[in-house]
Amino acid sequence: MEQKLHIIQPSVTHSHTVIFLHGRDSTATEFASEIFESQCSDDKTLPEALPSFKWVFPTSKLRKSTRF
């Protein structure tokens, strides 16, 4: 399986890169969606609050996991 990246580019001049790794039973796109649904105390999303950041979410192979 080809590894894929979910990338959110900065909306202003790039200054930082954040790389998030998802869990065993998730995908990069799903994890990014969950993180970016959250809002800061001023109601901004992370990309809005940190516009110079590039957000990188690599996808790995799905693996079975047992929870709890």
Protein backbone atom coordinates (compact mmCIF):
# COMPACT_ATOMS: atom_id res chain seq x y z
CA MET A 1 0.00 0.00 0.00
CA GLU A 2 1.31 3.41 -0.92
CA GLN A 3 1.82 5.73 2.02
CA LYS A 4 -0.03 9.03 1.74
CA LEU A 5 0.19 12.39 3.45
CA HIS A 6 -2.58 14.73 4.45
CA ILE A 7 -1.05 18.22 4.42
CA ILE A 8 -2.53 21.59 5.36
CA GLN A 9 -0.34 24.34 3.91
CA PRO A 10 0.22 27.61 5.81
CA SER A 11 -1.92 30.56 4.77
CA VAL A 12 0.95 33.04 5.30
CA THR A 13 4.75 32.73 5.09
CA HIS A 14 5.79 29.31 6.42
CA SER A 15 7.58 29.34 9.78
CA HIS A 16 6.94 25.96 11.44
CA THR A 17 5.96 22.40 10.57
CA VAL A 18 3.96 20.15 12.88
CA ILE A 19 3.81 16.40 12.21
CA PHE A 20 1.00 14.44 13.90
CA LEU A 21 0.92 10.63 13.96
CA HIS A 22 -2.44 8.89 14.13
CA GLY A 23 -3.30 5.75 16.10
CA ARG A 24 -3.53 2.21 14.80
CA ASP A 25 -7.19 2.27 13.82
CA SER A 26 -7.26 5.69 12.16
CA THR A 27 -6.08 7.46 9.01
CA ALA A 28 -4.31 10.75 8.45
CA THR A 29 -7.39 12.42 6.97
CA GLU A 30 -9.66 11.20 9.78
CA PHE A 31 -7.21 12.30 12.48
CA ALA A 32 -6.69 15.73 10.87
CA SER A 33 -10.44 16.23 10.68
CA GLU A 34 -10.83 15.41 14.38
CA ILE A 35 -8.04 17.77 15.43
CA PHE A 36 -9.21 20.65 13.28
CA GLU A 37 -12.79 20.36 14.57
CA SER A 38 -11.46 21.65 17.89
CA GLN A 39 -11.42 25.36 18.57
CA CYS A 40 -9.20 27.52 20.74
CA SER A 41 -10.70 29.71 23.48
CA ASP A 42 -11.07 32.52 20.91
CA ASP A 43 -13.10 30.19 18.60
CA LYS A 44 -10.28 29.88 16.07
CA THR A 45 -9.20 26.52 14.67
CA LEU A 46 -5.51 25.58 14.88
CA PRO A 47 -4.77 26.68 11.29
CA GLU A 48 -6.51 29.99 11.97
CA ALA A 49 -4.66 30.51 15.26
CA LEU A 50 -1.30 29.45 13.78
CA PRO A 51 -1.46 30.54 10.12
CA SER A 52 2.27 30.19 9.47
CA PHE A 53 2.28 26.50 10.44
CA LYS A 54 2.31 23.63 7.96
CA TRP A 55 0.36 20.62 9.28
CA VAL A 56 1.52 17.17 8.13
CA PHE A 57 -0.39 13.96 8.83
CA PRO A 58 1.26 10.80 7.44
CA THR A 59 -0.87 7.69 6.91
CA SER A 60 0.39 4.28 7.92
CA LYS A 61 -1.05 0.85 7.29
CA LEU A 62 -4.22 0.04 9.20
CA ARG A 63 -3.60 -2.49 11.96
CA LYS A 64 -6.02 -4.26 14.19
CA SER A 65 -5.93 -3.26 17.82
CA THR A 66 -7.72 -4.34 20.94
CA ARG A 67 -8.87 -1.55 23.18
CA PHE A 68 -9.35 -1.88 26.90
